[in-house]
Protein backbone atom coordinates (compact mmCIF):
# COMPACT_ATOMS: atom_id res chain seq x y z
CA MET A 1 61.48 -135.63 -66.95
CA ASN A 2 58.62 -134.67 -64.27
CA LEU A 3 55.36 -132.75 -64.65
CA THR A 4 53.63 -131.33 -61.33
CA ILE A 5 50.62 -129.36 -61.52
CA HIS A 6 50.72 -127.52 -58.45
CA ARG A 7 47.17 -125.81 -59.40
CA GLY A 8 44.75 -125.96 -62.01
CA THR A 9 43.68 -129.79 -61.94
CA ASN A 10 40.48 -128.70 -60.02
CA GLN A 11 39.81 -125.35 -61.02
CA ILE A 12 39.68 -122.70 -63.56
CA GLY A 13 42.45 -120.18 -62.94
CA GLY A 14 45.55 -120.27 -60.86
CA SER A 15 47.47 -122.31 -63.01
CA CYS A 16 50.65 -123.41 -62.35
CA VAL A 17 52.84 -126.28 -63.99
CA GLU A 18 56.40 -127.31 -63.19
CA ILE A 19 58.46 -129.44 -65.69
CA ALA A 20 61.65 -130.69 -64.38
CA THR A 21 64.70 -132.44 -65.65
CA THR A 22 67.63 -133.86 -63.47
CA THR A 23 69.13 -130.43 -64.06
CA THR A 24 66.59 -127.94 -64.94
CA ARG A 25 63.04 -126.74 -63.39
CA LEU A 26 60.69 -124.56 -65.25
CA LEU A 27 57.44 -122.95 -64.12
CA ILE A 28 54.36 -122.45 -66.87
CA ASP A 29 52.34 -120.01 -65.61
CA ILE A 30 51.93 -119.05 -62.06
CA GLY A 31 48.36 -117.48 -61.57
CA LEU A 32 46.16 -116.47 -58.92
CA PRO A 33 43.22 -118.09 -58.10
CA LEU A 34 39.89 -116.75 -59.66
CA ASP A 35 38.09 -117.33 -56.36
CA SER A 36 40.60 -115.42 -54.28
CA VAL A 37 39.95 -111.96 -52.66
CA VAL A 38 42.84 -110.24 -52.78
CA LYS A 39 42.44 -106.77 -51.01
CA ARG A 40 46.31 -105.66 -50.67
CA LEU A 41 48.90 -106.68 -52.83
CA GLU A 42 50.90 -108.06 -49.77
CA ASP A 43 47.96 -110.77 -49.53
CA ARG A 44 49.06 -112.29 -52.50
CA LYS A 45 51.94 -114.64 -51.24
CA GLN A 46 49.67 -116.65 -49.47
CA TYR A 47 48.42 -118.02 -52.60
CA LEU A 48 51.68 -119.24 -53.92
CA PRO A 49 51.98 -123.02 -54.31
CA LYS A 50 54.42 -124.86 -52.10
CA ILE A 51 57.32 -125.14 -54.85
CA GLU A 52 60.89 -126.18 -53.18
CA GLY A 53 64.07 -125.54 -54.71
CA HIS A 54 65.55 -123.25 -57.36
CA ILE A 55 63.50 -122.77 -60.45
CA ASP A 56 65.46 -121.70 -63.67
CA ALA A 57 62.96 -119.81 -65.51
CA VAL A 58 59.14 -118.67 -65.52
CA PHE A 59 56.95 -118.84 -68.84
CA ILE A 60 53.77 -116.93 -68.84
CA SER A 61 51.26 -117.85 -71.41
CA HIS A 62 49.17 -114.27 -70.99
CA TYR A 63 48.64 -111.60 -69.37
CA HIS A 64 45.17 -112.45 -67.05
CA LEU A 65 45.69 -112.71 -63.55
CA ASP A 66 44.68 -116.37 -63.33
CA HIS A 67 48.00 -116.82 -65.31
CA HIS A 68 50.33 -114.58 -64.09
CA GLY A 69 49.17 -113.05 -60.76
CA LEU A 70 51.84 -114.36 -58.73
CA VAL A 71 54.78 -113.89 -60.66
CA SER A 72 55.96 -110.71 -58.80
CA GLU A 73 56.02 -112.56 -55.84
CA ILE A 74 59.05 -115.06 -56.98
CA ASP A 75 62.53 -114.36 -56.86
CA PRO A 76 63.17 -111.34 -59.11
CA SER A 77 66.28 -112.99 -60.29
CA ILE A 78 64.25 -115.67 -62.36
CA PRO A 79 63.74 -114.88 -65.94
CA VAL A 80 60.41 -114.39 -66.97
CA TYR A 81 59.48 -114.97 -70.82
CA VAL A 82 56.47 -113.37 -72.07
CA SER A 83 55.38 -112.35 -75.33
CA ARG A 84 55.41 -108.78 -76.60
CA GLY A 85 51.74 -108.04 -76.06
CA THR A 86 52.08 -109.48 -72.52
CA GLU A 87 55.12 -107.25 -72.07
CA LYS A 88 53.12 -103.98 -73.26
CA MET A 89 49.82 -105.07 -70.90
CA PHE A 90 52.23 -105.49 -67.86
CA GLY A 91 53.51 -101.72 -68.35
CA ILE A 92 50.32 -100.16 -68.85
CA ASN A 93 48.76 -102.10 -65.80
CA ALA A 94 51.70 -101.45 -63.49
CA ILE A 95 51.03 -97.80 -64.04
CA PHE A 96 47.13 -97.43 -64.23
CA LEU A 97 46.34 -100.21 -62.03
CA ARG A 98 49.09 -100.04 -59.64
CA MET A 99 49.92 -103.84 -60.37
CA PRO A 100 53.54 -105.02 -58.93
CA LYS A 101 56.32 -104.39 -61.64
CA VAL A 102 57.30 -107.72 -63.08
CA GLU A 103 61.08 -107.78 -63.10
CA ASN A 104 63.69 -109.51 -65.23
CA LEU A 105 61.06 -109.91 -68.39
CA ARG A 106 62.55 -111.38 -71.33
CA ILE A 107 60.45 -111.51 -74.77
CA ILE A 108 59.54 -114.78 -76.35
CA ASP A 109 58.77 -114.66 -79.93
CA THR A 110 56.14 -117.21 -81.79
CA LYS A 111 57.93 -120.19 -83.44
CA THR A 112 61.34 -119.30 -82.22
CA PRO A 113 62.77 -121.98 -79.58
CA VAL A 114 64.40 -121.00 -76.60
CA MET A 115 66.71 -122.99 -74.67
CA VAL A 116 66.97 -123.16 -70.98
CA ASP A 117 69.85 -125.44 -69.79
CA ASP A 118 68.61 -129.04 -71.16
CA ILE A 119 64.86 -127.80 -72.11
CA LYS A 120 63.86 -126.21 -75.17
CA ILE A 121 60.73 -124.34 -75.37
CA THR A 122 58.52 -123.18 -78.27
CA ALA A 123 55.82 -120.44 -78.22
CA PHE A 124 52.77 -120.62 -80.42
CA THR A 125 50.48 -117.93 -80.74
CA VAL A 126 46.84 -118.87 -80.06
CA ASP A 127 43.49 -117.21 -80.32
CA HIS A 128 42.15 -116.01 -76.70
CA SER A 129 40.47 -113.14 -75.22
CA ALA A 130 44.05 -111.65 -74.71
CA TYR A 131 46.28 -110.53 -77.21
CA ASP A 132 49.27 -112.47 -78.25
CA ALA A 133 48.28 -115.33 -75.75
CA MET A 134 50.73 -118.32 -76.43
CA ALA A 135 51.02 -122.08 -76.22
CA PHE A 136 54.35 -123.69 -75.44
CA LEU A 137 56.16 -126.79 -76.59
CA ILE A 138 58.60 -128.09 -73.97
CA GLU A 139 61.21 -130.66 -75.31
CA ALA A 140 63.70 -132.40 -73.01
CA GLU A 141 64.68 -136.13 -72.69
CA GLY A 142 63.37 -137.13 -76.00
CA LYS A 143 59.91 -136.16 -74.90
CA LYS A 144 57.47 -133.60 -76.31
CA ILE A 145 54.76 -131.51 -74.12
CA LEU A 146 52.34 -129.21 -75.23
CA TYR A 147 50.77 -126.60 -72.87
CA SER A 148 47.78 -125.11 -74.82
CA GLY A 149 47.21 -121.97 -72.41
CA ASP A 150 43.80 -120.81 -72.67
CA ILE A 151 42.66 -121.36 -76.19
CA ARG A 152 39.97 -121.11 -78.47
CA THR A 153 39.04 -121.57 -82.27
CA HIS A 154 35.94 -119.18 -82.64
CA GLY A 155 37.75 -115.92 -82.09
CA VAL A 156 39.20 -113.65 -84.84
CA LYS A 157 42.37 -115.60 -85.09
CA GLY A 158 40.44 -118.81 -84.33
CA ARG A 159 42.53 -120.91 -86.97
CA LEU A 160 45.73 -120.37 -85.28
CA TYR A 161 45.47 -123.82 -83.57
CA GLU A 162 46.36 -125.21 -86.74
CA ASP A 163 49.88 -124.07 -86.44
CA LEU A 164 50.39 -126.07 -83.35
CA PRO A 165 52.90 -128.87 -83.40
CA GLN A 166 51.33 -132.46 -84.13
CA ASN A 167 51.75 -135.81 -82.39
CA VAL A 168 53.30 -134.93 -79.09
CA ASP A 169 53.57 -137.10 -76.30
CA TYR A 170 51.43 -134.88 -73.70
CA LEU A 171 48.91 -132.23 -74.26
CA ILE A 172 48.05 -130.58 -71.31
CA LEU A 173 44.81 -129.11 -72.35
CA GLU A 174 42.49 -126.40 -70.77
CA GLY A 175 39.09 -127.48 -70.06
CA THR A 176 37.13 -124.09 -69.26
CA ASN A 177 34.00 -125.19 -71.00
CA ILE A 178 33.92 -128.99 -70.52
CA GLY A 179 30.88 -129.74 -68.10
CA LYS A 180 29.14 -126.93 -69.66
CA SER A 181 26.51 -126.52 -72.50
CA GLU A 182 27.36 -128.05 -75.89
CA SER A 183 26.11 -125.19 -77.78
CA ILE A 184 28.57 -123.96 -80.40
CA SER A 185 30.07 -120.35 -79.33
CA LYS A 186 29.04 -117.15 -81.00
CA THR A 187 32.06 -115.94 -83.14
CA GLU A 188 33.55 -112.41 -82.58
CA LYS A 189 31.82 -111.26 -86.13
CA GLU A 190 28.51 -112.63 -84.79
CA ILE A 191 29.09 -110.32 -81.67
CA LYS A 192 29.81 -107.33 -83.85
CA ASP A 193 26.85 -107.90 -86.11
CA GLN A 194 24.78 -107.77 -82.72
CA PHE A 195 26.31 -104.39 -81.73
CA ILE A 196 25.61 -103.11 -85.23
CA ALA A 197 21.98 -104.29 -84.99
CA LEU A 198 21.55 -102.70 -81.78
CA PHE A 199 23.03 -99.38 -82.58
CA LYS A 200 21.28 -99.02 -85.69
CA LYS A 201 17.83 -100.00 -83.97
CA TYR A 202 18.19 -96.94 -81.70
CA PRO A 203 19.71 -94.17 -83.49
CA ASP A 204 18.79 -91.83 -80.78
CA ARG A 205 20.51 -93.36 -78.11
CA ILE A 206 24.23 -93.14 -76.46
CA ASN A 207 25.49 -96.81 -76.24
CA TYR A 208 27.71 -97.58 -72.95
CA VAL A 209 29.37 -100.95 -73.22
CA TRP A 210 31.08 -102.82 -70.68
CA SER A 211 33.66 -104.53 -72.03
CA SER A 212 37.44 -105.57 -70.50
CA GLY A 213 39.83 -103.16 -71.47
CA GLN A 214 42.25 -106.33 -72.04
CA ASN A 215 40.17 -107.82 -74.51
CA ILE A 216 41.46 -106.33 -77.64
CA ASP A 217 39.59 -108.27 -79.84
CA ARG A 218 36.34 -107.44 -78.65
CA LEU A 219 37.33 -103.97 -78.81
CA VAL A 220 38.14 -103.95 -82.09
CA GLN A 221 34.65 -105.45 -83.06
CA ILE A 222 33.02 -102.43 -80.74
CA TYR A 223 35.26 -99.82 -82.68
CA SER A 224 34.17 -101.57 -86.06
CA ALA A 225 30.60 -101.43 -85.41
CA SER A 226 30.86 -97.88 -84.52
CA LEU A 227 32.20 -96.56 -87.44
CA LYS A 228 29.91 -98.75 -89.62
CA THR A 229 27.19 -96.91 -87.85
CA GLY A 230 28.18 -93.36 -87.86
CA ARG A 231 29.23 -93.31 -84.07
CA THR A 232 32.27 -92.08 -82.30
CA PHE A 233 34.09 -94.28 -80.16
CA VAL A 234 34.85 -93.29 -76.78
CA ALA A 235 37.42 -94.80 -74.72
CA ASP A 236 38.69 -93.85 -70.98
CA LEU A 237 42.35 -93.25 -70.83
CA TYR A 238 43.38 -96.55 -69.71
CA VAL A 239 41.49 -98.32 -72.71
CA ALA A 240 42.87 -95.91 -75.01
CA ASN A 241 46.42 -96.40 -73.94
CA VAL A 242 45.97 -100.16 -74.08
CA LEU A 243 45.01 -99.86 -77.63
CA TYR A 244 47.66 -97.37 -78.28
CA GLU A 245 50.25 -99.67 -77.02
CA ILE A 246 49.04 -102.62 -78.57
CA HIS A 247 48.72 -100.82 -82.43
CA GLN A 248 52.61 -100.34 -81.88
CA LEU A 249 52.62 -104.17 -82.43
CA ASN A 250 49.82 -104.60 -85.03
CA ALA A 251 48.77 -101.52 -87.03
CA ASN A 252 45.41 -103.03 -87.62
CA ILE A 253 44.49 -102.48 -83.90
CA PRO A 254 42.65 -99.10 -83.56
CA SER A 255 44.25 -96.04 -82.13
CA PRO A 256 43.29 -92.44 -81.82
CA TYR A 257 46.17 -91.30 -84.01
CA SER A 258 45.72 -93.64 -86.98
CA HIS A 259 41.80 -94.43 -86.87
CA PRO A 260 39.10 -92.04 -87.39
CA ASN A 261 36.25 -91.16 -84.90
CA PHE A 262 38.06 -92.06 -81.71
CA ARG A 263 37.92 -89.86 -78.74
CA VAL A 264 39.40 -90.32 -75.44
CA TRP A 265 37.53 -89.57 -72.06
CA TYR A 266 39.59 -88.21 -69.37
CA ALA A 267 37.47 -89.94 -66.50
CA LYS A 268 39.24 -91.15 -63.20
CA TYR A 269 42.74 -90.32 -64.85
CA GLU A 270 43.38 -86.62 -65.08
CA LYS A 271 46.86 -86.98 -63.03
CA LEU A 272 49.31 -89.78 -63.25
CA ASN A 273 52.03 -88.17 -61.44
CA GLU A 274 55.71 -89.19 -62.65
CA ASN A 275 53.64 -90.97 -65.76
CA GLU A 276 51.90 -87.75 -66.94
CA ASN A 277 53.14 -88.53 -70.40
CA LEU A 278 50.65 -91.02 -70.86
CA ALA A 279 48.14 -88.55 -70.50
CA PHE A 280 49.55 -85.60 -72.54
CA ARG A 281 50.45 -87.95 -75.33
CA LEU A 282 46.42 -88.24 -76.13
CA LYS A 283 45.28 -84.60 -75.11
CA ARG A 284 44.22 -83.90 -78.44
CA PHE A 285 41.58 -86.30 -78.54
CA LYS A 286 40.27 -85.32 -75.21
CA ILE A 287 36.42 -85.34 -74.77
CA LYS A 288 34.61 -83.71 -72.13
CA SER A 289 31.52 -85.63 -70.29
CA LYS A 290 29.54 -82.23 -71.47
CA GLU A 291 30.59 -82.57 -75.03
CA ILE A 292 29.16 -86.18 -75.06
CA ALA A 293 26.28 -84.90 -72.62
CA ASP A 294 25.28 -82.16 -75.59
CA SER A 295 24.83 -84.99 -78.06
CA PRO A 296 24.85 -88.24 -76.56
CA TYR A 297 23.38 -90.50 -79.76
CA LYS A 298 26.54 -89.70 -81.49
CA TYR A 299 28.68 -92.21 -79.23
CA VAL A 300 29.56 -95.53 -78.13
CA VAL A 301 31.46 -95.00 -75.05
CA ILE A 302 33.56 -98.17 -73.17
CA VAL A 303 32.55 -97.94 -69.64
CA ARG A 304 32.90 -100.25 -66.19
CA PRO A 305 31.00 -99.81 -62.88
CA SER A 306 34.10 -98.16 -61.33
CA LEU A 307 33.40 -95.05 -63.67
CA LEU A 308 29.70 -94.55 -62.52
CA GLU A 309 30.17 -90.85 -61.12
CA TYR A 310 31.49 -89.94 -64.50
CA ILE A 311 28.66 -91.67 -66.32
CA GLN A 312 26.39 -89.71 -64.13
CA LYS A 313 27.76 -86.31 -65.24
CA ILE A 314 26.36 -87.19 -68.86
CA ASN A 315 23.09 -88.30 -67.36
CA ALA A 316 21.71 -89.29 -70.68
CA ALA A 317 17.77 -89.62 -71.08
CA GLN A 318 17.95 -92.83 -72.81
CA ALA A 319 20.84 -95.28 -73.09
CA ASN A 320 21.54 -98.88 -74.16
CA VAL A 321 23.81 -100.42 -71.55
CA VAL A 322 25.50 -103.69 -73.01
CA THR A 323 27.46 -105.91 -70.85
CA SER A 324 30.06 -107.64 -72.96
CA ILE A 325 32.10 -109.68 -70.22
CA TRP A 326 31.94 -113.02 -68.34
CA LYS A 327 28.51 -112.94 -67.01
CA ASP A 328 29.81 -113.71 -63.37
CA TYR A 329 31.25 -110.28 -63.16
CA GLU A 330 27.69 -108.64 -63.46
CA ILE A 331 26.63 -110.34 -59.76
CA ARG A 332 29.46 -109.08 -57.87
CA THR A 333 28.35 -106.75 -54.90
CA GLU A 334 30.88 -104.25 -56.01
CA ASN A 335 28.89 -103.63 -59.43
CA GLU A 336 25.25 -103.38 -57.78
CA ALA A 337 25.17 -99.57 -57.40
CA PHE A 338 26.25 -99.44 -61.17
CA PHE A 339 23.14 -101.85 -61.99
CA ASP A 340 20.95 -100.03 -59.68
CA TRP A 341 21.52 -96.74 -60.98
CA VAL A 342 21.05 -98.15 -64.62
CA ASP A 343 17.74 -99.59 -63.68
CA LYS A 344 16.24 -96.68 -62.01
CA LYS A 345 17.22 -94.60 -65.03
CA GLY A 346 15.37 -97.16 -67.26
CA TYR A 347 18.13 -97.90 -69.58
CA LYS A 348 18.05 -100.90 -71.84
CA ARG A 349 20.23 -103.92 -70.82
CA THR A 350 21.74 -106.38 -73.05
CA HIS A 351 24.46 -108.89 -72.93
CA TYR A 352 26.66 -109.74 -75.70
CA HIS A 353 29.51 -111.99 -75.04
CA THR A 354 31.41 -115.05 -76.27
CA SER A 355 33.94 -116.88 -74.20
CA GLY A 356 37.70 -116.77 -74.59
CA HIS A 357 37.92 -120.20 -74.23
CA ALA A 358 37.14 -123.32 -76.52
CA ASP A 359 33.82 -124.93 -76.45
CA GLN A 360 33.86 -128.65 -76.59
CA ASP A 361 33.37 -128.61 -80.28
CA GLY A 362 36.45 -126.57 -80.39
CA LEU A 363 38.44 -128.65 -78.16
CA ARG A 364 37.78 -131.84 -80.37
CA LYS A 365 39.21 -129.70 -83.29
CA ILE A 366 42.41 -128.69 -81.30
CA VAL A 367 42.72 -132.44 -80.35
CA ALA A 368 42.05 -133.83 -83.74
CA HIS A 369 44.88 -131.66 -85.24
CA ILE A 370 47.39 -132.22 -82.58
CA SER A 371 46.83 -136.08 -82.28
CA PRO A 372 48.68 -136.15 -78.81
CA LYS A 373 49.37 -139.65 -77.42
CA THR A 374 47.97 -138.72 -74.21
CA ILE A 375 45.66 -135.83 -72.75
CA ILE A 376 46.46 -134.22 -69.32
CA PRO A 377 43.44 -132.07 -67.91
CA ILE A 378 43.84 -128.27 -66.43
CA HIS A 379 41.98 -125.09 -66.08
CA THR A 380 38.90 -127.28 -65.20
CA LYS A 381 36.39 -127.84 -62.83
CA ASN A 382 35.46 -131.11 -64.67
CA LYS A 383 38.62 -133.16 -65.49
CA ALA A 384 36.88 -136.43 -64.98
CA GLN A 385 34.65 -135.66 -68.21
CA TYR A 386 37.60 -135.30 -70.45
CA CYS A 387 37.35 -139.35 -70.54
CA GLU A 388 34.16 -138.96 -71.95
CA ILE A 389 35.11 -136.88 -74.61
CA PHE A 390 38.92 -137.73 -75.42
CA LYS A 391 40.76 -141.17 -75.55
CA ASN A 392 44.09 -141.74 -73.45
CA VAL A 393 43.33 -139.32 -70.83
CA ILE A 394 45.69 -139.02 -67.70
CA VAL A 395 43.91 -137.32 -64.76
CA LEU A 396 46.28 -135.44 -62.09
CA ASP A 397 45.54 -133.89 -58.89
CA ASP A 398 47.32 -130.88 -57.79
CA GLY A 399 50.68 -131.28 -56.29
CA GLU A 400 50.97 -134.87 -57.88
CA ARG A 401 54.31 -135.53 -59.27
CA PHE A 402 54.09 -137.49 -62.66
CA GLU A 403 56.77 -138.73 -64.30
CA ILE A 404 57.09 -138.30 -67.84
């Protein structure tokens, strides 16, 4: 069996791993590099790694672009295995974000093996800032390889790493936070407590929160903090539909029909052409900008810079603006107008966030549990530092073929 990391040994994101026997070839993730600037969908092909020959199947660990962003560019006859949560997100993003439709999707359930010719693949749900993210155990020719995908131990479901198989031959381990501060990451509960304290401290202010509409765990914390402080949670139509769909998989996820104090702000998506049913199914929960403007202190509103013109219609006198995202997103040039307006209004800016990736202490816990014979770095800018933290590390380069 051979292993080739086509991309990911020297960068965070864009991950793509090939595993091949004499008869079968699989890809695990096929992501778009984070540092790529893709202005048109047809530009994506230039980022495809050079993979020659037939691929029998692709397995996608989760729905973040740096792990699946190029899957629509491959032969549509190749089966693509995803979790149910990833399938839901693909469907919503194809409609709202005009993402390319992914063909030939097949569901892989946690702990339920799938055979692709002579390779057995078993998925395991892990904790990450993407709902229903998965690690994969690949077994063939008497060897076991565990691909961690993106993983952490400090999230709502942080202990899921304890379900991962032990004593594998190789662990392909993400290291986003290797080389960064040794400080322990905040838990999602600690983030929620920060929101509660802020909302209580300023009872007369509206609260705008910029959080990813795909970070389900964070949205749940913000919703919970809203309820505990007597506020109404407001999501735009995209975020509301994301939560509505994921609620179908997990009744604990807030959805307008099943959870109180949840309103839907029809900013930006008044018309969805042939998919208008996505708008009408939440129509009874609609809230207009004027209703928010009349009593802004009652609301916690999920926002993002692209909604600036709609936020300006509310024009609250006082506001808290909380960024609950990776801090690098704040400094992108396309977001300058949003923050310029926020600062001119004199709104209070705060940052509450925790990584979707394990800190170094979390990585040590994961490795201690799995007890792999060998560790191979991926999804990192600091692969050489693995040798300082773990034993039995093999460092590969992009495109290097390694015999298992």
